[in-house]
Amino acid sequence: LDFTSSGPLLRTAEYVEQHATVFIT
């Protein structure tokens, strides 16, 4: 996988986005 657009970084960013309150805190 391309590590940016469809790979681990996107999955990481999506996970952070879904749990934004925890990460912002």
PDBML (XML) file of the C-alpha atoms, coordinates in Angstrom:
<?xml version="1.0" encoding="UTF-8" ?>
<PDBx:datablock datablockName="MODEL"
   xmlns:PDBx="http://pdbml.pdb.org/schema/pdbx-v50.xsd"
   xmlns:xsi="http://www.w3.org/2001/XMLSchema-instance"
   xsi:schemaLocation="http://pdbml.pdb.org/schema/pdbx-v50.xsd pdbx-v50.xsd">
   <PDBx:atom_siteCategory>
      <PDBx:atom_site id="1">
         <PDBx:B_iso_or_equiv>0.00</PDBx:B_iso_or_equiv>
         <PDBx:Cartn_x>0.000</PDBx:Cartn_x>
         <PDBx:Cartn_y>0.000</PDBx:Cartn_y>
         <PDBx:Cartn_z>0.000</PDBx:Cartn_z>
         <PDBx:auth_asym_id>A</PDBx:auth_asym_id>
         <PDBx:auth_atom_id>CA</PDBx:auth_atom_id>
         <PDBx:auth_comp_id>LEU</PDBx:auth_comp_id>
         <PDBx:auth_seq_id>1</PDBx:auth_seq_id>
         <PDBx:group_PDB>ATOM</PDBx:group_PDB>
         <PDBx:label_alt_id xsi:nil="true" />
         <PDBx:label_asym_id>A</PDBx:label_asym_id>
         <PDBx:label_atom_id>CA</PDBx:label_atom_id>
         <PDBx:label_comp_id>LEU</PDBx:label_comp_id>
         <PDBx:label_entity_id>1</PDBx:label_entity_id>
         <PDBx:label_seq_id>1</PDBx:label_seq_id>
         <PDBx:occupancy>1.00</PDBx:occupancy>
         <PDBx:pdbx_PDB_model_num>1</PDBx:pdbx_PDB_model_num>
         <PDBx:type_symbol>C</PDBx:type_symbol>
      </PDBx:atom_site>
      <PDBx:atom_site id="2">
         <PDBx:B_iso_or_equiv>0.00</PDBx:B_iso_or_equiv>
         <PDBx:Cartn_x>0.991</PDBx:Cartn_x>
         <PDBx:Cartn_y>3.605</PDBx:Cartn_y>
         <PDBx:Cartn_z>-0.531</PDBx:Cartn_z>
         <PDBx:auth_asym_id>A</PDBx:auth_asym_id>
         <PDBx:auth_atom_id>CA</PDBx:auth_atom_id>
         <PDBx:auth_comp_id>ASP</PDBx:auth_comp_id>
         <PDBx:auth_seq_id>2</PDBx:auth_seq_id>
         <PDBx:group_PDB>ATOM</PDBx:group_PDB>
         <PDBx:label_alt_id xsi:nil="true" />
         <PDBx:label_asym_id>A</PDBx:label_asym_id>
         <PDBx:label_atom_id>CA</PDBx:label_atom_id>
         <PDBx:label_comp_id>ASP</PDBx:label_comp_id>
         <PDBx:label_entity_id>1</PDBx:label_entity_id>
         <PDBx:label_seq_id>2</PDBx:label_seq_id>
         <PDBx:occupancy>1.00</PDBx:occupancy>
         <PDBx:pdbx_PDB_model_num>1</PDBx:pdbx_PDB_model_num>
         <PDBx:type_symbol>C</PDBx:type_symbol>
      </PDBx:atom_site>
      <PDBx:atom_site id="3">
         <PDBx:B_iso_or_equiv>0.00</PDBx:B_iso_or_equiv>
         <PDBx:Cartn_x>1.772</PDBx:Cartn_x>
         <PDBx:Cartn_y>4.563</PDBx:Cartn_y>
         <PDBx:Cartn_z>3.056</PDBx:Cartn_z>
         <PDBx:auth_asym_id>A</PDBx:auth_asym_id>
         <PDBx:auth_atom_id>CA</PDBx:auth_atom_id>
         <PDBx:auth_comp_id>PHE</PDBx:auth_comp_id>
         <PDBx:auth_seq_id>3</PDBx:auth_seq_id>
         <PDBx:group_PDB>ATOM</PDBx:group_PDB>
         <PDBx:label_alt_id xsi:nil="true" />
         <PDBx:label_asym_id>A</PDBx:label_asym_id>
         <PDBx:label_atom_id>CA</PDBx:label_atom_id>
         <PDBx:label_comp_id>PHE</PDBx:label_comp_id>
         <PDBx:label_entity_id>1</PDBx:label_entity_id>
         <PDBx:label_seq_id>3</PDBx:label_seq_id>
         <PDBx:occupancy>1.00</PDBx:occupancy>
         <PDBx:pdbx_PDB_model_num>1</PDBx:pdbx_PDB_model_num>
         <PDBx:type_symbol>C</PDBx:type_symbol>
      </PDBx:atom_site>
      <PDBx:atom_site id="4">
         <PDBx:B_iso_or_equiv>0.00</PDBx:B_iso_or_equiv>
         <PDBx:Cartn_x>-0.024</PDBx:Cartn_x>
         <PDBx:Cartn_y>7.907</PDBx:Cartn_y>
         <PDBx:Cartn_z>2.743</PDBx:Cartn_z>
         <PDBx:auth_asym_id>A</PDBx:auth_asym_id>
         <PDBx:auth_atom_id>CA</PDBx:auth_atom_id>
         <PDBx:auth_comp_id>THR</PDBx:auth_comp_id>
         <PDBx:auth_seq_id>4</PDBx:auth_seq_id>
         <PDBx:group_PDB>ATOM</PDBx:group_PDB>
         <PDBx:label_alt_id xsi:nil="true" />
         <PDBx:label_asym_id>A</PDBx:label_asym_id>
         <PDBx:label_atom_id>CA</PDBx:label_atom_id>
         <PDBx:label_comp_id>THR</PDBx:label_comp_id>
         <PDBx:label_entity_id>1</PDBx:label_entity_id>
         <PDBx:label_seq_id>4</PDBx:label_seq_id>
         <PDBx:occupancy>1.00</PDBx:occupancy>
         <PDBx:pdbx_PDB_model_num>1</PDBx:pdbx_PDB_model_num>
         <PDBx:type_symbol>C</PDBx:type_symbol>
      </PDBx:atom_site>
      <PDBx:atom_site id="5">
         <PDBx:B_iso_or_equiv>0.00</PDBx:B_iso_or_equiv>
         <PDBx:Cartn_x>-3.200</PDBx:Cartn_x>
         <PDBx:Cartn_y>7.983</PDBx:Cartn_y>
         <PDBx:Cartn_z>0.671</PDBx:Cartn_z>
         <PDBx:auth_asym_id>A</PDBx:auth_asym_id>
         <PDBx:auth_atom_id>CA</PDBx:auth_atom_id>
         <PDBx:auth_comp_id>SER</PDBx:auth_comp_id>
         <PDBx:auth_seq_id>5</PDBx:auth_seq_id>
         <PDBx:group_PDB>ATOM</PDBx:group_PDB>
         <PDBx:label_alt_id xsi:nil="true" />
         <PDBx:label_asym_id>A</PDBx:label_asym_id>
         <PDBx:label_atom_id>CA</PDBx:label_atom_id>
         <PDBx:label_comp_id>SER</PDBx:label_comp_id>
         <PDBx:label_entity_id>1</PDBx:label_entity_id>
         <PDBx:label_seq_id>5</PDBx:label_seq_id>
         <PDBx:occupancy>1.00</PDBx:occupancy>
         <PDBx:pdbx_PDB_model_num>1</PDBx:pdbx_PDB_model_num>
         <PDBx:type_symbol>C</PDBx:type_symbol>
      </PDBx:atom_site>
      <PDBx:atom_site id="6">
         <PDBx:B_iso_or_equiv>0.00</PDBx:B_iso_or_equiv>
         <PDBx:Cartn_x>-4.543</PDBx:Cartn_x>
         <PDBx:Cartn_y>4.490</PDBx:Cartn_y>
         <PDBx:Cartn_z>1.317</PDBx:Cartn_z>
         <PDBx:auth_asym_id>A</PDBx:auth_asym_id>
         <PDBx:auth_atom_id>CA</PDBx:auth_atom_id>
         <PDBx:auth_comp_id>SER</PDBx:auth_comp_id>
         <PDBx:auth_seq_id>6</PDBx:auth_seq_id>
         <PDBx:group_PDB>ATOM</PDBx:group_PDB>
         <PDBx:label_alt_id xsi:nil="true" />
         <PDBx:label_asym_id>A</PDBx:label_asym_id>
         <PDBx:label_atom_id>CA</PDBx:label_atom_id>
         <PDBx:label_comp_id>SER</PDBx:label_comp_id>
         <PDBx:label_entity_id>1</PDBx:label_entity_id>
         <PDBx:label_seq_id>6</PDBx:label_seq_id>
         <PDBx:occupancy>1.00</PDBx:occupancy>
         <PDBx:pdbx_PDB_model_num>1</PDBx:pdbx_PDB_model_num>
         <PDBx:type_symbol>C</PDBx:type_symbol>
      </PDBx:atom_site>
      <PDBx:atom_site id="7">
         <PDBx:B_iso_or_equiv>0.00</PDBx:B_iso_or_equiv>
         <PDBx:Cartn_x>-2.203</PDBx:Cartn_x>
         <PDBx:Cartn_y>3.049</PDBx:Cartn_y>
         <PDBx:Cartn_z>3.872</PDBx:Cartn_z>
         <PDBx:auth_asym_id>A</PDBx:auth_asym_id>
         <PDBx:auth_atom_id>CA</PDBx:auth_atom_id>
         <PDBx:auth_comp_id>GLY</PDBx:auth_comp_id>
         <PDBx:auth_seq_id>7</PDBx:auth_seq_id>
         <PDBx:group_PDB>ATOM</PDBx:group_PDB>
         <PDBx:label_alt_id xsi:nil="true" />
         <PDBx:label_asym_id>A</PDBx:label_asym_id>
         <PDBx:label_atom_id>CA</PDBx:label_atom_id>
         <PDBx:label_comp_id>GLY</PDBx:label_comp_id>
         <PDBx:label_entity_id>1</PDBx:label_entity_id>
         <PDBx:label_seq_id>7</PDBx:label_seq_id>
         <PDBx:occupancy>1.00</PDBx:occupancy>
         <PDBx:pdbx_PDB_model_num>1</PDBx:pdbx_PDB_model_num>
         <PDBx:type_symbol>C</PDBx:type_symbol>
      </PDBx:atom_site>
      <PDBx:atom_site id="8">
         <PDBx:B_iso_or_equiv>0.00</PDBx:B_iso_or_equiv>
         <PDBx:Cartn_x>-1.277</PDBx:Cartn_x>
         <PDBx:Cartn_y>3.237</PDBx:Cartn_y>
         <PDBx:Cartn_z>7.513</PDBx:Cartn_z>
         <PDBx:auth_asym_id>A</PDBx:auth_asym_id>
         <PDBx:auth_atom_id>CA</PDBx:auth_atom_id>
         <PDBx:auth_comp_id>PRO</PDBx:auth_comp_id>
         <PDBx:auth_seq_id>8</PDBx:auth_seq_id>
         <PDBx:group_PDB>ATOM</PDBx:group_PDB>
         <PDBx:label_alt_id xsi:nil="true" />
         <PDBx:label_asym_id>A</PDBx:label_asym_id>
         <PDBx:label_atom_id>CA</PDBx:label_atom_id>
         <PDBx:label_comp_id>PRO</PDBx:label_comp_id>
         <PDBx:label_entity_id>1</PDBx:label_entity_id>
         <PDBx:label_seq_id>8</PDBx:label_seq_id>
         <PDBx:occupancy>1.00</PDBx:occupancy>
         <PDBx:pdbx_PDB_model_num>1</PDBx:pdbx_PDB_model_num>
         <PDBx:type_symbol>C</PDBx:type_symbol>
      </PDBx:atom_site>
      <PDBx:atom_site id="9">
         <PDBx:B_iso_or_equiv>0.00</PDBx:B_iso_or_equiv>
         <PDBx:Cartn_x>-1.129</PDBx:Cartn_x>
         <PDBx:Cartn_y>7.029</PDBx:Cartn_y>
         <PDBx:Cartn_z>7.806</PDBx:Cartn_z>
         <PDBx:auth_asym_id>A</PDBx:auth_asym_id>
         <PDBx:auth_atom_id>CA</PDBx:auth_atom_id>
         <PDBx:auth_comp_id>LEU</PDBx:auth_comp_id>
         <PDBx:auth_seq_id>9</PDBx:auth_seq_id>
         <PDBx:group_PDB>ATOM</PDBx:group_PDB>
         <PDBx:label_alt_id xsi:nil="true" />
         <PDBx:label_asym_id>A</PDBx:label_asym_id>
         <PDBx:label_atom_id>CA</PDBx:label_atom_id>
         <PDBx:label_comp_id>LEU</PDBx:label_comp_id>
         <PDBx:label_entity_id>1</PDBx:label_entity_id>
         <PDBx:label_seq_id>9</PDBx:label_seq_id>
         <PDBx:occupancy>1.00</PDBx:occupancy>
         <PDBx:pdbx_PDB_model_num>1</PDBx:pdbx_PDB_model_num>
         <PDBx:type_symbol>C</PDBx:type_symbol>
      </PDBx:atom_site>
      <PDBx:atom_site id="10">
         <PDBx:B_iso_or_equiv>0.00</PDBx:B_iso_or_equiv>
         <PDBx:Cartn_x>-4.680</PDBx:Cartn_x>
         <PDBx:Cartn_y>7.416</PDBx:Cartn_y>
         <PDBx:Cartn_z>6.509</PDBx:Cartn_z>
         <PDBx:auth_asym_id>A</PDBx:auth_asym_id>
         <PDBx:auth_atom_id>CA</PDBx:auth_atom_id>
         <PDBx:auth_comp_id>LEU</PDBx:auth_comp_id>
         <PDBx:auth_seq_id>10</PDBx:auth_seq_id>
         <PDBx:group_PDB>ATOM</PDBx:group_PDB>
         <PDBx:label_alt_id xsi:nil="true" />
         <PDBx:label_asym_id>A</PDBx:label_asym_id>
         <PDBx:label_atom_id>CA</PDBx:label_atom_id>
         <PDBx:label_comp_id>LEU</PDBx:label_comp_id>
         <PDBx:label_entity_id>1</PDBx:label_entity_id>
         <PDBx:label_seq_id>10</PDBx:label_seq_id>
         <PDBx:occupancy>1.00</PDBx:occupancy>
         <PDBx:pdbx_PDB_model_num>1</PDBx:pdbx_PDB_model_num>
         <PDBx:type_symbol>C</PDBx:type_symbol>
      </PDBx:atom_site>
      <PDBx:atom_site id="11">
         <PDBx:B_iso_or_equiv>0.00</PDBx:B_iso_or_equiv>
         <PDBx:Cartn_x>-5.906</PDBx:Cartn_x>
         <PDBx:Cartn_y>4.696</PDBx:Cartn_y>
         <PDBx:Cartn_z>8.865</PDBx:Cartn_z>
         <PDBx:auth_asym_id>A</PDBx:auth_asym_id>
         <PDBx:auth_atom_id>CA</PDBx:auth_atom_id>
         <PDBx:auth_comp_id>ARG</PDBx:auth_comp_id>
         <PDBx:auth_seq_id>11</PDBx:auth_seq_id>
         <PDBx:group_PDB>ATOM</PDBx:group_PDB>
         <PDBx:label_alt_id xsi:nil="true" />
         <PDBx:label_asym_id>A</PDBx:label_asym_id>
         <PDBx:label_atom_id>CA</PDBx:label_atom_id>
         <PDBx:label_comp_id>ARG</PDBx:label_comp_id>
         <PDBx:label_entity_id>1</PDBx:label_entity_id>
         <PDBx:label_seq_id>11</PDBx:label_seq_id>
         <PDBx:occupancy>1.00</PDBx:occupancy>
         <PDBx:pdbx_PDB_model_num>1</PDBx:pdbx_PDB_model_num>
         <PDBx:type_symbol>C</PDBx:type_symbol>
      </PDBx:atom_site>
      <PDBx:atom_site id="12">
         <PDBx:B_iso_or_equiv>0.00</PDBx:B_iso_or_equiv>
         <PDBx:Cartn_x>-4.053</PDBx:Cartn_x>
         <PDBx:Cartn_y>6.411</PDBx:Cartn_y>
         <PDBx:Cartn_z>11.720</PDBx:Cartn_z>
         <PDBx:auth_asym_id>A</PDBx:auth_asym_id>
         <PDBx:auth_atom_id>CA</PDBx:auth_atom_id>
         <PDBx:auth_comp_id>THR</PDBx:auth_comp_id>
         <PDBx:auth_seq_id>12</PDBx:auth_seq_id>
         <PDBx:group_PDB>ATOM</PDBx:group_PDB>
         <PDBx:label_alt_id xsi:nil="true" />
         <PDBx:label_asym_id>A</PDBx:label_asym_id>
         <PDBx:label_atom_id>CA</PDBx:label_atom_id>
         <PDBx:label_comp_id>THR</PDBx:label_comp_id>
         <PDBx:label_entity_id>1</PDBx:label_entity_id>
         <PDBx:label_seq_id>12</PDBx:label_seq_id>
         <PDBx:occupancy>1.00</PDBx:occupancy>
         <PDBx:pdbx_PDB_model_num>1</PDBx:pdbx_PDB_model_num>
         <PDBx:type_symbol>C</PDBx:type_symbol>
      </PDBx:atom_site>
      <PDBx:atom_site id="13">
         <PDBx:B_iso_or_equiv>0.00</PDBx:B_iso_or_equiv>
         <PDBx:Cartn_x>-5.533</PDBx:Cartn_x>
         <PDBx:Cartn_y>9.826</PDBx:Cartn_y>
         <PDBx:Cartn_z>10.888</PDBx:Cartn_z>
         <PDBx:auth_asym_id>A</PDBx:auth_asym_id>
         <PDBx:auth_atom_id>CA</PDBx:auth_atom_id>
         <PDBx:auth_comp_id>ALA</PDBx:auth_comp_id>
         <PDBx:auth_seq_id>13</PDBx:auth_seq_id>
         <PDBx:group_PDB>ATOM</PDBx:group_PDB>
         <PDBx:label_alt_id xsi:nil="true" />
         <PDBx:label_asym_id>A</PDBx:label_asym_id>
         <PDBx:label_atom_id>CA</PDBx:label_atom_id>
         <PDBx:label_comp_id>ALA</PDBx:label_comp_id>
         <PDBx:label_entity_id>1</PDBx:label_entity_id>
         <PDBx:label_seq_id>13</PDBx:label_seq_id>
         <PDBx:occupancy>1.00</PDBx:occupancy>
         <PDBx:pdbx_PDB_model_num>1</PDBx:pdbx_PDB_model_num>
         <PDBx:type_symbol>C</PDBx:type_symbol>
      </PDBx:atom_site>
      <PDBx:atom_site id="14">
         <PDBx:B_iso_or_equiv>0.00</PDBx:B_iso_or_equiv>
         <PDBx:Cartn_x>-9.026</PDBx:Cartn_x>
         <PDBx:Cartn_y>8.345</PDBx:Cartn_y>
         <PDBx:Cartn_z>10.573</PDBx:Cartn_z>
         <PDBx:auth_asym_id>A</PDBx:auth_asym_id>
         <PDBx:auth_atom_id>CA</PDBx:auth_atom_id>
         <PDBx:auth_comp_id>GLU</PDBx:auth_comp_id>
         <PDBx:auth_seq_id>14</PDBx:auth_seq_id>
         <PDBx:group_PDB>ATOM</PDBx:group_PDB>
         <PDBx:label_alt_id xsi:nil="true" />
         <PDBx:label_asym_id>A</PDBx:label_asym_id>
         <PDBx:label_atom_id>CA</PDBx:label_atom_id>
         <PDBx:label_comp_id>GLU</PDBx:label_comp_id>
         <PDBx:label_entity_id>1</PDBx:label_entity_id>
         <PDBx:label_seq_id>14</PDBx:label_seq_id>
         <PDBx:occupancy>1.00</PDBx:occupancy>
         <PDBx:pdbx_PDB_model_num>1</PDBx:pdbx_PDB_model_num>
         <PDBx:type_symbol>C</PDBx:type_symbol>
      </PDBx:atom_site>
      <PDBx:atom_site id="15">
         <PDBx:B_iso_or_equiv>0.00</PDBx:B_iso_or_equiv>
         <PDBx:Cartn_x>-8.629</PDBx:Cartn_x>
         <PDBx:Cartn_y>6.655</PDBx:Cartn_y>
         <PDBx:Cartn_z>13.956</PDBx:Cartn_z>
         <PDBx:auth_asym_id>A</PDBx:auth_asym_id>
         <PDBx:auth_atom_id>CA</PDBx:auth_atom_id>
         <PDBx:auth_comp_id>TYR</PDBx:auth_comp_id>
         <PDBx:auth_seq_id>15</PDBx:auth_seq_id>
         <PDBx:group_PDB>ATOM</PDBx:group_PDB>
         <PDBx:label_alt_id xsi:nil="true" />
         <PDBx:label_asym_id>A</PDBx:label_asym_id>
         <PDBx:label_atom_id>CA</PDBx:label_atom_id>
         <PDBx:label_comp_id>TYR</PDBx:label_comp_id>
         <PDBx:label_entity_id>1</PDBx:label_entity_id>
         <PDBx:label_seq_id>15</PDBx:label_seq_id>
         <PDBx:occupancy>1.00</PDBx:occupancy>
         <PDBx:pdbx_PDB_model_num>1</PDBx:pdbx_PDB_model_num>
         <PDBx:type_symbol>C</PDBx:type_symbol>
      </PDBx:atom_site>
      <PDBx:atom_site id="16">
         <PDBx:B_iso_or_equiv>0.00</PDBx:B_iso_or_equiv>
         <PDBx:Cartn_x>-7.482</PDBx:Cartn_x>
         <PDBx:Cartn_y>9.936</PDBx:Cartn_y>
         <PDBx:Cartn_z>15.544</PDBx:Cartn_z>
         <PDBx:auth_asym_id>A</PDBx:auth_asym_id>
         <PDBx:auth_atom_id>CA</PDBx:auth_atom_id>
         <PDBx:auth_comp_id>VAL</PDBx:auth_comp_id>
         <PDBx:auth_seq_id>16</PDBx:auth_seq_id>
         <PDBx:group_PDB>ATOM</PDBx:group_PDB>
         <PDBx:label_alt_id xsi:nil="true" />
         <PDBx:label_asym_id>A</PDBx:label_asym_id>
         <PDBx:label_atom_id>CA</PDBx:label_atom_id>
         <PDBx:label_comp_id>VAL</PDBx:label_comp_id>
         <PDBx:label_entity_id>1</PDBx:label_entity_id>
         <PDBx:label_seq_id>16</PDBx:label_seq_id>
         <PDBx:occupancy>1.00</PDBx:occupancy>
         <PDBx:pdbx_PDB_model_num>1</PDBx:pdbx_PDB_model_num>
         <PDBx:type_symbol>C</PDBx:type_symbol>
      </PDBx:atom_site>
      <PDBx:atom_site id="17">
         <PDBx:B_iso_or_equiv>0.00</PDBx:B_iso_or_equiv>
         <PDBx:Cartn_x>-10.387</PDBx:Cartn_x>
         <PDBx:Cartn_y>11.727</PDBx:Cartn_y>
         <PDBx:Cartn_z>13.864</PDBx:Cartn_z>
         <PDBx:auth_asym_id>A</PDBx:auth_asym_id>
         <PDBx:auth_atom_id>CA</PDBx:auth_atom_id>
         <PDBx:auth_comp_id>GLU</PDBx:auth_comp_id>
         <PDBx:auth_seq_id>17</PDBx:auth_seq_id>
         <PDBx:group_PDB>ATOM</PDBx:group_PDB>
         <PDBx:label_alt_id xsi:nil="true" />
         <PDBx:label_asym_id>A</PDBx:label_asym_id>
         <PDBx:label_atom_id>CA</PDBx:label_atom_id>
         <PDBx:label_comp_id>GLU</PDBx:label_comp_id>
         <PDBx:label_entity_id>1</PDBx:label_entity_id>
         <PDBx:label_seq_id>17</PDBx:label_seq_id>
         <PDBx:occupancy>1.00</PDBx:occupancy>
         <PDBx:pdbx_PDB_model_num>1</PDBx:pdbx_PDB_model_num>
         <PDBx:type_symbol>C</PDBx:type_symbol>
      </PDBx:atom_site>
      <PDBx:atom_site id="18">
         <PDBx:B_iso_or_equiv>0.00</PDBx:B_iso_or_equiv>
         <PDBx:Cartn_x>-12.879</PDBx:Cartn_x>
         <PDBx:Cartn_y>9.175</PDBx:Cartn_y>
         <PDBx:Cartn_z>15.248</PDBx:Cartn_z>
         <PDBx:auth_asym_id>A</PDBx:auth_asym_id>
         <PDBx:auth_atom_id>CA</PDBx:auth_atom_id>
         <PDBx:auth_comp_id>GLN</PDBx:auth_comp_id>
         <PDBx:auth_seq_id>18</PDBx:auth_seq_id>
         <PDBx:group_PDB>ATOM</PDBx:group_PDB>
         <PDBx:label_alt_id xsi:nil="true" />
         <PDBx:label_asym_id>A</PDBx:label_asym_id>
         <PDBx:label_atom_id>CA</PDBx:label_atom_id>
         <PDBx:label_comp_id>GLN</PDBx:label_comp_id>
         <PDBx:label_entity_id>1</PDBx:label_entity_id>
         <PDBx:label_seq_id>18</PDBx:label_seq_id>
         <PDBx:occupancy>1.00</PDBx:occupancy>
         <PDBx:pdbx_PDB_model_num>1</PDBx:pdbx_PDB_model_num>
         <PDBx:type_symbol>C</PDBx:type_symbol>
      </PDBx:atom_site>
      <PDBx:atom_site id="19">
         <PDBx:B_iso_or_equiv>0.00</PDBx:B_iso_or_equiv>
         <PDBx:Cartn_x>-11.390</PDBx:Cartn_x>
         <PDBx:Cartn_y>9.537</PDBx:Cartn_y>
         <PDBx:Cartn_z>18.759</PDBx:Cartn_z>
         <PDBx:auth_asym_id>A</PDBx:auth_asym_id>
         <PDBx:auth_atom_id>CA</PDBx:auth_atom_id>
         <PDBx:auth_comp_id>HIS</PDBx:auth_comp_id>
         <PDBx:auth_seq_id>19</PDBx:auth_seq_id>
         <PDBx:group_PDB>ATOM</PDBx:group_PDB>
         <PDBx:label_alt_id xsi:nil="true" />
         <PDBx:label_asym_id>A</PDBx:label_asym_id>
         <PDBx:label_atom_id>CA</PDBx:label_atom_id>
         <PDBx:label_comp_id>HIS</PDBx:label_comp_id>
         <PDBx:label_entity_id>1</PDBx:label_entity_id>
         <PDBx:label_seq_id>19</PDBx:label_seq_id>
         <PDBx:occupancy>1.00</PDBx:occupancy>
         <PDBx:pdbx_PDB_model_num>1</PDBx:pdbx_PDB_model_num>
         <PDBx:type_symbol>C</PDBx:type_symbol>
      </PDBx:atom_site>
      <PDBx:atom_site id="20">
         <PDBx:B_iso_or_equiv>0.00</PDBx:B_iso_or_equiv>
         <PDBx:Cartn_x>-10.608</PDBx:Cartn_x>
         <PDBx:Cartn_y>13.264</PDBx:Cartn_y>
         <PDBx:Cartn_z>18.518</PDBx:Cartn_z>
         <PDBx:auth_asym_id>A</PDBx:auth_asym_id>
         <PDBx:auth_atom_id>CA</PDBx:auth_atom_id>
         <PDBx:auth_comp_id>ALA</PDBx:auth_comp_id>
         <PDBx:auth_seq_id>20</PDBx:auth_seq_id>
         <PDBx:group_PDB>ATOM</PDBx:group_PDB>
         <PDBx:label_alt_id xsi:nil="true" />
         <PDBx:label_asym_id>A</PDBx:label_asym_id>
         <PDBx:label_atom_id>CA</PDBx:label_atom_id>
         <PDBx:label_comp_id>ALA</PDBx:label_comp_id>
         <PDBx:label_entity_id>1</PDBx:label_entity_id>
         <PDBx:label_seq_id>20</PDBx:label_seq_id>
         <PDBx:occupancy>1.00</PDBx:occupancy>
         <PDBx:pdbx_PDB_model_num>1</PDBx:pdbx_PDB_model_num>
         <PDBx:type_symbol>C</PDBx:type_symbol>
      </PDBx:atom_site>
      <PDBx:atom_site id="21">
         <PDBx:B_iso_or_equiv>0.00</PDBx:B_iso_or_equiv>
         <PDBx:Cartn_x>-11.750</PDBx:Cartn_x>
         <PDBx:Cartn_y>14.114</PDBx:Cartn_y>
         <PDBx:Cartn_z>22.041</PDBx:Cartn_z>
         <PDBx:auth_asym_id>A</PDBx:auth_asym_id>
         <PDBx:auth_atom_id>CA</PDBx:auth_atom_id>
         <PDBx:auth_comp_id>THR</PDBx:auth_comp_id>
         <PDBx:auth_seq_id>21</PDBx:auth_seq_id>
         <PDBx:group_PDB>ATOM</PDBx:group_PDB>
         <PDBx:label_alt_id xsi:nil="true" />
         <PDBx:label_asym_id>A</PDBx:label_asym_id>
         <PDBx:label_atom_id>CA</PDBx:label_atom_id>
         <PDBx:label_comp_id>THR</PDBx:label_comp_id>
         <PDBx:label_entity_id>1</PDBx:label_entity_id>
         <PDBx:label_seq_id>21</PDBx:label_seq_id>
         <PDBx:occupancy>1.00</PDBx:occupancy>
         <PDBx:pdbx_PDB_model_num>1</PDBx:pdbx_PDB_model_num>
         <PDBx:type_symbol>C</PDBx:type_symbol>
      </PDBx:atom_site>
      <PDBx:atom_site id="22">
         <PDBx:B_iso_or_equiv>0.00</PDBx:B_iso_or_equiv>
         <PDBx:Cartn_x>-9.287</PDBx:Cartn_x>
         <PDBx:Cartn_y>11.663</PDBx:Cartn_y>
         <PDBx:Cartn_z>23.580</PDBx:Cartn_z>
         <PDBx:auth_asym_id>A</PDBx:auth_asym_id>
         <PDBx:auth_atom_id>CA</PDBx:auth_atom_id>
         <PDBx:auth_comp_id>VAL</PDBx:auth_comp_id>
         <PDBx:auth_seq_id>22</PDBx:auth_seq_id>
         <PDBx:group_PDB>ATOM</PDBx:group_PDB>
         <PDBx:label_alt_id xsi:nil="true" />
         <PDBx:label_asym_id>A</PDBx:label_asym_id>
         <PDBx:label_atom_id>CA</PDBx:label_atom_id>
         <PDBx:label_comp_id>VAL</PDBx:label_comp_id>
         <PDBx:label_entity_id>1</PDBx:label_entity_id>
         <PDBx:label_seq_id>22</PDBx:label_seq_id>
         <PDBx:occupancy>1.00</PDBx:occupancy>
         <PDBx:pdbx_PDB_model_num>1</PDBx:pdbx_PDB_model_num>
         <PDBx:type_symbol>C</PDBx:type_symbol>
      </PDBx:atom_site>
      <PDBx:atom_site id="23">
         <PDBx:B_iso_or_equiv>0.00</PDBx:B_iso_or_equiv>
         <PDBx:Cartn_x>-6.350</PDBx:Cartn_x>
         <PDBx:Cartn_y>12.858</PDBx:Cartn_y>
         <PDBx:Cartn_z>21.470</PDBx:Cartn_z>
         <PDBx:auth_asym_id>A</PDBx:auth_asym_id>
         <PDBx:auth_atom_id>CA</PDBx:auth_atom_id>
         <PDBx:auth_comp_id>PHE</PDBx:auth_comp_id>
         <PDBx:auth_seq_id>23</PDBx:auth_seq_id>
         <PDBx:group_PDB>ATOM</PDBx:group_PDB>
         <PDBx:label_alt_id xsi:nil="true" />
         <PDBx:label_asym_id>A</PDBx:label_asym_id>
         <PDBx:label_atom_id>CA</PDBx:label_atom_id>
         <PDBx:label_comp_id>PHE</PDBx:label_comp_id>
         <PDBx:label_entity_id>1</PDBx:label_entity_id>
         <PDBx:label_seq_id>23</PDBx:label_seq_id>
         <PDBx:occupancy>1.00</PDBx:occupancy>
         <PDBx:pdbx_PDB_model_num>1</PDBx:pdbx_PDB_model_num>
         <PDBx:type_symbol>C</PDBx:type_symbol>
      </PDBx:atom_site>
      <PDBx:atom_site id="24">
         <PDBx:B_iso_or_equiv>0.00</PDBx:B_iso_or_equiv>
         <PDBx:Cartn_x>-7.099</PDBx:Cartn_x>
         <PDBx:Cartn_y>16.565</PDBx:Cartn_y>
         <PDBx:Cartn_z>21.937</PDBx:Cartn_z>
         <PDBx:auth_asym_id>A</PDBx:auth_asym_id>
         <PDBx:auth_atom_id>CA</PDBx:auth_atom_id>
         <PDBx:auth_comp_id>ILE</PDBx:auth_comp_id>
         <PDBx:auth_seq_id>24</PDBx:auth_seq_id>
         <PDBx:group_PDB>ATOM</PDBx:group_PDB>
         <PDBx:label_alt_id xsi:nil="true" />
         <PDBx:label_asym_id>A</PDBx:label_asym_id>
         <PDBx:label_atom_id>CA</PDBx:label_atom_id>
         <PDBx:label_comp_id>ILE</PDBx:label_comp_id>
         <PDBx:label_entity_id>1</PDBx:label_entity_id>
         <PDBx:label_seq_id>24</PDBx:label_seq_id>
         <PDBx:occupancy>1.00</PDBx:occupancy>
         <PDBx:pdbx_PDB_model_num>1</PDBx:pdbx_PDB_model_num>
         <PDBx:type_symbol>C</PDBx:type_symbol>
      </PDBx:atom_site>
      <PDBx:atom_site id="25">
         <PDBx:B_iso_or_equiv>0.00</PDBx:B_iso_or_equiv>
         <PDBx:Cartn_x>-7.293</PDBx:Cartn_x>
         <PDBx:Cartn_y>16.004</PDBx:Cartn_y>
         <PDBx:Cartn_z>25.712</PDBx:Cartn_z>
         <PDBx:auth_asym_id>A</PDBx:auth_asym_id>
         <PDBx:auth_atom_id>CA</PDBx:auth_atom_id>
         <PDBx:auth_comp_id>THR</PDBx:auth_comp_id>
         <PDBx:auth_seq_id>25</PDBx:auth_seq_id>
         <PDBx:group_PDB>ATOM</PDBx:group_PDB>
         <PDBx:label_alt_id xsi:nil="true" />
         <PDBx:label_asym_id>A</PDBx:label_asym_id>
         <PDBx:label_atom_id>CA</PDBx:label_atom_id>
         <PDBx:label_comp_id>THR</PDBx:label_comp_id>
         <PDBx:label_entity_id>1</PDBx:label_entity_id>
         <PDBx:label_seq_id>25</PDBx:label_seq_id>
         <PDBx:occupancy>1.00</PDBx:occupancy>
         <PDBx:pdbx_PDB_model_num>1</PDBx:pdbx_PDB_model_num>
         <PDBx:type_symbol>C</PDBx:type_symbol>
      </PDBx:atom_site>
   </PDBx:atom_siteCategory>
</PDBx:datablock>
